Amino acid sequence: MSSRVETYTHASDIDDAVIAAFESSEGAANIMYPFILKAKDLPRDGAQLWIAYFDDNGQVAFVLSCTKGVLGNYPVFIFTTKPPTEREPRHIIQPLGLLAHALRTSVTPERVFAVFSCEAVTREFARIWTDLTGIAIEHEYYRATFSYCTAATLTPSSKLRPLPENRDFTIWKPYVLTREGALLEAETLISKKEVWVHMIQEGTDGEAEIASIVAVTRQSGRVSAVTKDAPSGFSAASARIAPAYLAEKDRVVLYVGIGNNAARLYHKVGFQGLEGAGEVADVETWLELGFDSRRVNLGFW
């Protein structure tokens, strides 16, 4: 049996073997699998695309998505079943090359404004895409540690505390919403009951105020993901919501920007592989690279 790629333009058409690959590595697949579960109800309008690579043994090794959400197009996401020891360029050039060529035949070059995956896969795919289209890599948009907590690692703290005065409110560029876009996102989160607020109150007579929000938007059978935490790393909020989800899920996962002080707070909550804790299985670096903004159409996620 030879390797091959298969293209799907509607979630309900995706091969059972691809779904099984997601379910076997549900944490790493969180960037893609929960959206597929929701997308089965979307119209067949050509806005969604998935490309799967099957190796010589017929096993799913890579899945690429090029999809669209409520607020616009998502970056290209790439999921792999390959362990870190099998992600050297010599192992992944051929499958990523096939994915890139299949993507190029399906979308215009300007549609691909960024790619996000585990670091080795992102770097190699971005290089291949640049060679294929002539569109150069412009910026490193996001470099983060993918981490998780379980019921066994969770160490919740219920202590309330005011926000530190030096809290970093830096906006994650290049993804900046208009006021209308921000309202649409808020309405979507609220209507789906995917956002939590953490309130603090000074004294007994003070008015309670929202100290932070936490959104949990990507959910599948055994995994939920914290996808918004503002201000970043307010661990009391994360600690409060994690037990609620871990009552029904095996893991709560998130991405923590490398160099972000929030890593220390998430570590205290019980998220693994942070704060110099050494190598931990299923914890690894993910990278988003953006392409020349003068030649692509920027989306949002």
Protein backbone atom coordinates (compact mmCIF):
# COMPACT_ATOMS: atom_id res chain seq x y z
CA MET A 1 0.00 0.00 0.00
CA SER A 2 1.34 3.43 -0.92
CA SER A 3 0.87 6.67 0.97
CA ARG A 4 -1.92 9.00 -0.09
CA VAL A 5 -3.82 12.17 0.78
CA GLU A 6 -7.58 12.51 1.04
CA THR A 7 -9.46 15.81 0.90
CA TYR A 8 -12.76 16.53 2.67
CA THR A 9 -14.93 19.62 2.26
CA HIS A 10 -17.55 18.75 4.86
CA ALA A 11 -17.05 17.38 8.36
CA SER A 12 -19.58 14.61 7.90
CA ASP A 13 -17.48 13.18 5.04
CA ILE A 14 -14.28 12.75 7.05
CA ASP A 15 -12.99 9.19 7.11
CA ASP A 16 -13.63 7.17 10.28
CA ALA A 17 -9.88 6.49 10.47
CA VAL A 18 -9.23 10.23 10.82
CA ILE A 19 -11.76 10.53 13.63
CA ALA A 20 -10.18 7.51 15.33
CA ALA A 21 -6.76 9.20 15.10
CA PHE A 22 -8.17 12.30 16.80
CA GLU A 23 -9.77 10.23 19.54
CA SER A 24 -6.53 8.35 20.20
CA SER A 25 -4.71 11.65 20.84
CA GLU A 26 -7.55 13.90 21.87
CA GLY A 27 -5.44 16.49 23.66
CA ALA A 28 -3.17 17.24 20.72
CA ALA A 29 -6.17 17.10 18.38
CA ASN A 30 -8.03 19.74 20.37
CA ILE A 31 -7.07 22.48 17.93
CA MET A 32 -9.07 20.67 15.24
CA TYR A 33 -11.36 17.88 16.48
CA PRO A 34 -13.92 19.95 18.48
CA PHE A 35 -14.52 22.18 15.46
CA ILE A 36 -15.19 19.11 13.31
CA LEU A 37 -17.83 17.94 15.78
CA LYS A 38 -19.58 21.32 15.48
CA ALA A 39 -19.03 21.62 11.72
CA LYS A 40 -21.15 18.57 10.93
CA ASP A 41 -24.16 20.89 11.15
CA LEU A 42 -22.70 23.56 8.85
CA PRO A 43 -23.84 23.96 5.23
CA ARG A 44 -21.86 22.55 2.33
CA ASP A 45 -20.65 25.94 1.16
CA GLY A 46 -17.00 25.21 0.42
CA ALA A 47 -15.75 27.22 3.40
CA GLN A 48 -14.24 24.23 5.20
CA LEU A 49 -11.37 22.00 4.15
CA TRP A 50 -9.48 19.10 5.72
CA ILE A 51 -6.68 17.09 4.15
CA ALA A 52 -5.48 13.81 5.68
CA TYR A 53 -2.22 12.03 4.94
CA PHE A 54 -2.23 8.23 5.20
CA ASP A 55 1.16 6.51 5.39
CA ASP A 56 2.27 3.33 3.62
CA ASN A 57 0.48 1.23 6.22
CA GLY A 58 -2.79 3.09 5.73
CA GLN A 59 -2.44 4.86 9.09
CA VAL A 60 -3.35 8.52 9.55
CA ALA A 61 -0.12 10.43 10.19
CA PHE A 62 -1.12 14.06 9.53
CA VAL A 63 -4.33 16.04 9.20
CA LEU A 64 -4.39 19.62 7.91
CA SER A 65 -7.35 21.95 8.32
CA CYS A 66 -8.12 25.18 6.49
CA THR A 67 -11.44 26.25 7.97
CA LYS A 68 -13.61 29.24 8.78
CA GLY A 69 -15.16 30.29 12.09
CA VAL A 70 -17.70 32.90 13.15
CA LEU A 71 -15.14 35.71 13.02
CA GLY A 72 -13.38 34.72 9.82
CA ASN A 73 -10.85 32.31 8.42
CA TYR A 74 -8.65 30.29 10.75
CA PRO A 75 -4.95 29.72 10.18
CA VAL A 76 -3.90 26.39 8.75
CA PHE A 77 -3.77 23.90 11.62
CA ILE A 78 -1.84 20.64 11.38
CA PHE A 79 -2.33 17.64 13.67
CA THR A 80 0.05 14.69 13.70
CA THR A 81 0.10 11.27 15.29
CA LYS A 82 3.90 11.19 14.89
CA PRO A 83 5.79 11.32 18.20
CA PRO A 84 8.46 14.02 18.65
CA THR A 85 11.22 11.49 17.86
CA GLU A 86 9.80 11.07 14.34
CA ARG A 87 9.50 14.73 13.40
CA GLU A 88 12.93 15.35 11.97
CA PRO A 89 12.79 16.88 8.47
CA ARG A 90 13.71 13.58 6.80
CA HIS A 91 10.62 11.99 8.35
CA ILE A 92 8.11 14.73 7.55
CA ILE A 93 9.19 16.44 4.31
CA GLN A 94 7.36 13.98 2.06
CA PRO A 95 3.97 13.96 3.86
CA LEU A 96 3.98 17.72 4.46
CA GLY A 97 4.91 18.28 0.83
CA LEU A 98 1.90 16.25 -0.29
CA LEU A 99 -0.35 18.18 2.09
CA ALA A 100 1.00 21.50 0.82
CA HIS A 101 0.42 20.57 -2.82
CA ALA A 102 -3.11 19.34 -2.06
CA LEU A 103 -3.82 22.59 -0.20
CA ARG A 104 -2.47 24.68 -3.08
CA THR A 105 -4.85 22.98 -5.52
CA SER A 106 -7.79 23.69 -3.19
CA VAL A 107 -7.27 27.30 -2.07
CA THR A 108 -5.60 30.46 -3.32
CA PRO A 109 -2.16 31.29 -1.84
CA GLU A 110 -3.49 34.41 -0.12
CA ARG A 111 -5.91 32.30 1.93
CA VAL A 112 -3.01 30.81 3.91
CA PHE A 113 -1.98 33.63 6.22
CA ALA A 114 -0.44 31.51 9.00
CA VAL A 115 0.21 27.93 10.09
CA PHE A 116 0.01 26.54 13.65
CA SER A 117 1.22 23.13 14.77
CA CYS A 118 3.89 21.53 16.90
CA GLU A 119 7.11 23.41 16.26
CA ALA A 120 8.93 21.03 13.92
CA VAL A 121 5.86 20.56 11.73
CA THR A 122 5.15 24.30 11.53
CA ARG A 123 8.70 25.15 10.51
CA GLU A 124 8.90 22.49 7.82
CA PHE A 125 5.44 23.15 6.38
CA ALA A 126 6.07 26.92 6.29
CA ARG A 127 9.32 26.36 4.41
CA ILE A 128 7.59 24.08 1.89
CA TRP A 129 4.69 26.53 1.44
CA THR A 130 7.09 29.41 0.81
CA ASP A 131 8.93 27.36 -1.82
CA LEU A 132 5.63 26.42 -3.43
CA THR A 133 3.99 29.86 -3.50
CA GLY A 134 6.82 32.35 -3.18
CA ILE A 135 5.14 33.91 -0.15
CA ALA A 136 7.75 34.40 2.56
CA ILE A 137 7.43 33.86 6.28
CA GLU A 138 7.03 37.28 7.89
CA HIS A 139 6.68 36.83 11.64
CA GLU A 140 6.54 34.35 14.46
CA TYR A 141 3.03 35.07 15.71
CA TYR A 142 2.85 32.72 18.66
CA ARG A 143 5.16 30.25 20.40
CA ALA A 144 3.59 28.39 23.27
CA THR A 145 3.73 25.39 25.53
CA PHE A 146 0.82 22.99 25.12
CA SER A 147 -0.07 21.84 28.66
CA TYR A 148 -2.82 20.04 30.51
CA CYS A 149 -4.18 19.29 33.94
CA THR A 150 -6.17 16.33 35.23
CA ALA A 151 -8.15 15.62 38.36
CA ALA A 152 -4.98 14.09 39.81
CA THR A 153 -2.76 17.13 39.13
CA LEU A 154 -5.26 19.88 39.93
CA THR A 155 -4.38 21.96 42.99
CA PRO A 156 -7.16 24.56 43.07
CA SER A 157 -6.86 27.71 45.12
CA SER A 158 -9.96 29.60 46.17
CA LYS A 159 -8.12 32.64 47.44
CA LEU A 160 -9.40 35.88 45.98
CA ARG A 161 -6.95 38.63 45.25
CA PRO A 162 -6.97 41.89 43.30
CA LEU A 163 -5.26 42.12 39.95
CA PRO A 164 -1.59 43.16 40.23
CA GLU A 165 -0.96 46.70 39.06
CA ASN A 166 1.73 45.50 36.67
CA ARG A 167 -0.52 43.00 34.89
CA ASP A 168 0.38 42.78 31.19
CA PHE A 169 -2.59 43.70 29.00
CA THR A 170 -0.65 43.45 25.72
CA ILE A 171 -2.93 42.64 22.78
CA TRP A 172 -1.88 39.55 20.86
CA LYS A 173 -1.13 40.92 17.43
CA PRO A 174 -1.91 40.55 14.58
CA TYR A 175 -5.35 39.35 15.67
CA VAL A 176 -7.16 42.49 16.82
CA LEU A 177 -10.95 42.63 16.62
CA THR A 178 -13.06 45.64 15.75
CA ARG A 179 -15.67 46.63 18.33
CA GLU A 180 -18.31 44.90 16.22
CA GLY A 181 -16.22 41.75 16.03
CA ALA A 182 -15.60 41.78 19.76
CA LEU A 183 -19.35 42.09 20.42
CA LEU A 184 -20.06 39.21 18.04
CA GLU A 185 -17.49 37.04 19.80
CA ALA A 186 -18.90 37.94 23.23
CA GLU A 187 -22.45 37.19 22.09
CA THR A 188 -21.34 33.84 20.67
CA LEU A 189 -19.52 32.83 23.86
CA ILE A 190 -22.42 33.87 26.07
CA SER A 191 -25.10 32.21 23.93
CA LYS A 192 -23.17 28.93 24.00
CA LYS A 193 -22.44 29.27 27.74
CA GLU A 194 -18.72 28.93 27.08
CA VAL A 195 -17.47 31.90 29.11
CA TRP A 196 -16.96 32.20 32.89
CA VAL A 197 -16.34 35.36 34.90
CA HIS A 198 -14.43 35.63 38.16
CA MET A 199 -15.74 38.32 40.52
CA ILE A 200 -13.93 40.09 43.33
CA GLN A 201 -15.31 42.38 46.03
CA GLU A 202 -13.49 44.74 48.35
CA GLY A 203 -14.92 44.60 51.86
CA THR A 204 -18.49 43.65 52.71
CA ASP A 205 -20.11 46.68 51.15
CA GLY A 206 -18.03 46.99 48.01
CA GLU A 207 -19.51 46.38 44.59
CA ALA A 208 -18.47 43.11 42.99
CA GLU A 209 -16.45 43.58 39.82
CA ILE A 210 -15.31 41.24 37.08
CA ALA A 211 -11.63 40.50 37.66
CA SER A 212 -11.13 38.11 34.77
CA ILE A 213 -12.87 35.96 32.20
CA VAL A 214 -12.14 32.42 31.12
CA ALA A 215 -13.57 30.83 27.99
CA VAL A 216 -13.72 27.10 27.34
CA THR A 217 -14.73 26.77 23.70
CA ARG A 218 -13.09 23.64 22.28
CA GLN A 219 -14.65 20.52 23.78
CA SER A 220 -14.68 16.90 22.67
CA GLY A 221 -15.42 13.61 24.39
CA ARG A 222 -12.63 13.55 26.97
CA VAL A 223 -10.97 16.98 26.68
CA SER A 224 -11.87 20.65 27.22
CA ALA A 225 -9.61 23.58 26.37
CA VAL A 226 -9.18 26.97 28.02
CA THR A 227 -9.09 29.20 24.95
CA LYS A 228 -9.32 32.63 26.57
CA ASP A 229 -7.98 33.80 29.89
CA ALA A 230 -8.03 37.55 30.33
CA PRO A 231 -6.08 38.99 31.95
CA SER A 232 -3.75 36.13 31.06
CA GLY A 233 -2.97 33.70 33.83
CA PHE A 234 -5.42 34.80 36.53
CA SER A 235 -5.15 31.38 38.18
CA ALA A 236 -8.07 31.75 40.58
CA ALA A 237 -10.45 31.75 37.65
CA SER A 238 -8.76 28.81 35.99
CA ALA A 239 -8.74 26.90 39.26
CA ARG A 240 -12.44 27.54 39.77
CA ILE A 241 -13.55 26.27 36.35
CA ALA A 242 -11.17 23.31 35.98
CA PRO A 243 -12.92 21.08 38.56
CA ALA A 244 -16.27 21.65 36.83
CA TYR A 245 -14.92 20.34 33.55
CA LEU A 246 -12.76 17.61 35.07
CA ALA A 247 -15.88 16.15 36.64
CA GLU A 248 -16.83 15.10 33.10
CA LYS A 249 -13.55 15.20 31.17
CA ASP A 250 -10.18 13.52 31.56
CA ARG A 251 -8.17 16.66 30.82
CA VAL A 252 -8.32 20.42 30.57
CA VAL A 253 -5.72 21.70 28.10
CA LEU A 254 -4.35 25.11 27.12
CA TYR A 255 -1.53 26.92 25.35
CA VAL A 256 0.74 29.18 27.42
CA GLY A 257 2.93 31.65 25.53
CA ILE A 258 6.61 30.97 26.11
CA GLY A 259 7.99 33.75 28.28
CA ASN A 260 4.54 34.55 29.63
CA ASN A 261 4.56 34.96 33.41
CA ALA A 262 1.19 33.22 33.46
CA ALA A 263 3.06 29.89 33.22
CA ARG A 264 3.96 30.16 36.89
CA LEU A 265 0.31 30.62 37.86
CA TYR A 266 -0.92 27.78 35.67
CA HIS A 267 1.77 25.59 37.20
CA LYS A 268 0.36 26.32 40.64
CA VAL A 269 -3.10 25.33 39.44
CA GLY A 270 -1.77 21.97 38.29
CA PHE A 271 -1.00 22.32 34.59
CA GLN A 272 1.92 20.10 33.68
CA GLY A 273 5.35 20.71 32.17
CA LEU A 274 5.59 24.38 33.09
CA GLU A 275 8.08 26.36 35.18
CA GLY A 276 11.11 24.19 34.48
CA ALA A 277 9.39 21.00 35.53
CA GLY A 278 11.39 18.97 32.98
CA GLU A 279 10.07 16.96 30.07
CA VAL A 280 6.53 15.68 30.51
CA ALA A 281 4.70 13.37 28.12
CA ASP A 282 2.16 15.18 25.91
CA VAL A 283 3.59 18.60 26.81
CA GLU A 284 5.42 20.26 23.93
CA THR A 285 6.11 23.49 22.08
CA TRP A 286 3.68 24.68 19.41
CA LEU A 287 4.49 27.45 16.95
CA GLU A 288 2.49 29.78 14.71
CA LEU A 289 4.29 31.40 11.79
CA GLY A 290 2.66 34.14 9.74
CA PHE A 291 3.23 34.76 6.03
CA ASP A 292 3.89 38.09 4.28
CA SER A 293 0.92 40.24 5.34
CA ARG A 294 1.13 42.24 2.09
CA ARG A 295 0.29 39.11 0.10
CA VAL A 296 -2.25 37.27 2.26
CA ASN A 297 -5.70 37.96 3.69
CA LEU A 298 -5.51 37.97 7.47
CA GLY A 299 -8.16 35.95 9.33
CA PHE A 300 -8.79 35.56 13.05
CA TRP A 301 -8.69 32.97 15.79
